[in-house]
Protein backbone atom coordinates (compact mmCIF):
# COMPACT_ATOMS: atom_id res chain seq x y z
CA UNK A 1 111.15 139.08 76.04
CA UNK A 2 110.54 140.88 79.29
CA UNK A 3 112.15 144.33 79.30
CA UNK A 4 113.77 145.71 82.43
CA UNK A 5 114.66 149.29 83.33
CA UNK A 6 118.03 149.16 81.54
CA UNK A 7 116.47 147.76 78.35
CA UNK A 8 113.98 150.62 78.41
CA UNK A 9 116.81 153.12 78.91
CA UNK A 10 118.66 151.64 75.91
CA UNK A 11 115.54 151.87 73.74
CA UNK A 12 114.79 155.43 74.83
CA UNK A 13 118.37 156.54 74.11
CA UNK A 14 118.33 154.92 70.66
CA UNK A 15 115.00 156.55 69.84
CA UNK A 16 116.48 159.95 70.69
CA UNK A 17 119.75 159.38 68.81
CA UNK A 18 119.96 156.19 66.78
CA UNK A 19 123.55 156.79 65.70
CA UNK A 20 125.01 156.62 69.19
CA UNK A 21 128.17 154.57 69.37
CA UNK A 22 128.12 151.58 71.69
CA UNK A 23 130.53 153.45 73.98
CA UNK A 24 128.24 156.50 74.18
CA UNK A 25 125.17 154.34 74.74
CA UNK A 26 126.92 152.31 77.45
CA UNK A 27 127.87 155.53 79.26
CA UNK A 28 124.30 156.82 79.10
CA UNK A 29 122.79 153.65 80.58
CA UNK A 30 125.66 153.03 83.04
CA UNK A 31 126.83 149.68 81.64
CA UNK A 32 130.14 148.36 80.42
CA UNK A 33 130.50 148.42 76.64
CA UNK A 34 130.36 144.62 76.40
CA UNK A 35 127.23 144.36 78.56
CA UNK A 36 125.55 147.10 76.54
CA UNK A 37 126.37 145.37 73.25
CA UNK A 38 125.02 142.04 74.57
CA UNK A 39 121.76 143.70 75.56
CA UNK A 40 121.41 145.46 72.20
CA UNK A 41 121.98 142.20 70.33
CA UNK A 42 119.43 140.44 72.54
CA UNK A 43 116.91 143.22 71.80
CA UNK A 44 117.60 142.83 68.07
CA UNK A 45 117.32 139.04 68.15
CA UNK A 46 114.03 139.24 70.07
CA UNK A 47 112.67 141.64 67.45
CA UNK A 48 112.31 144.52 69.91
CA UNK A 49 114.78 146.46 67.77
CA UNK A 50 113.61 145.75 64.25
CA UNK A 51 115.59 148.30 62.26
CA UNK A 52 117.47 151.57 62.46
CA UNK A 53 115.95 154.38 60.42
CA UNK A 54 116.33 158.09 59.87
CA UNK A 55 113.30 160.37 59.53
CA UNK A 56 113.82 163.69 57.68
CA UNK A 57 110.70 165.72 56.82
CA UNK A 58 111.03 168.97 54.91
CA UNK A 59 107.95 171.00 54.09
CA UNK A 60 108.20 174.01 51.83
CA UNK A 61 105.23 176.37 51.98
CA UNK A 62 104.34 179.67 50.38
CA UNK A 63 102.35 182.11 52.50
CA UNK A 64 101.11 185.61 51.80
CA UNK A 65 102.48 187.25 54.94
CA UNK A 66 103.75 186.49 58.48
CA UNK A 67 100.21 186.36 59.85
CA UNK A 68 99.32 183.70 57.28
CA UNK A 69 102.35 181.67 58.36
CA UNK A 70 101.39 182.04 62.03
CA UNK A 71 97.93 180.67 61.23
CA UNK A 72 99.40 177.73 59.32
CA UNK A 73 101.90 177.04 62.10
CA UNK A 74 99.54 177.27 65.08
CA UNK A 75 96.39 175.79 63.56
CA UNK A 76 97.86 173.04 61.40
CA UNK A 77 101.55 172.13 61.61
CA UNK A 78 101.89 171.91 65.39
CA UNK A 79 98.64 169.94 65.66
CA UNK A 80 99.72 167.09 63.40
CA UNK A 81 100.11 163.74 65.17
CA UNK A 82 103.70 162.91 66.04
CA UNK A 83 105.02 166.46 65.55
CA UNK A 84 107.35 167.20 68.45
CA UNK A 85 108.85 170.44 67.16
CA UNK A 86 108.79 172.73 64.16
CA UNK A 87 111.80 174.67 62.92
CA UNK A 88 111.14 177.45 60.41
CA UNK A 89 113.31 179.45 58.03
CA UNK A 90 112.28 182.46 55.99
CA UNK A 91 113.54 184.09 52.82
CA UNK A 92 114.31 187.74 53.58
CA UNK A 93 114.77 188.80 49.98
CA UNK A 94 114.12 187.47 46.52
CA UNK A 95 117.12 185.72 45.02
CA UNK A 96 115.43 184.40 41.90
CA UNK A 97 112.15 185.73 40.63
CA UNK A 98 109.81 183.42 38.81
CA UNK A 99 106.19 182.47 38.62
CA UNK A 100 106.60 178.71 38.96
CA UNK A 101 106.46 176.96 42.31
CA UNK A 102 108.64 173.86 42.67
CA UNK A 103 106.56 170.73 42.13
CA UNK A 104 107.15 167.32 43.64
CA UNK A 105 108.75 164.79 41.31
């Protein structure tokens, strides 16, 4: 299947937000809803759109101080392939004190 500019716009929009409604997608690519749906189905049937997935990565780390986190952030996390952005949260006080770190199941 040869992709045109509109097909590429549809694919780019779905990669940014895969849960767009057909109406929202049609508005973004300047098509009628029926034309947009026909194109999406053609992309699916041709195997260009193979599946719809959600990616949700959560990394919990323990660092000794803010400088240690800055090193981890700048030298490792942001340099990983495919990482577009990093959002961080910090505990400001201890809620539960214990010696065990949570382990992966």
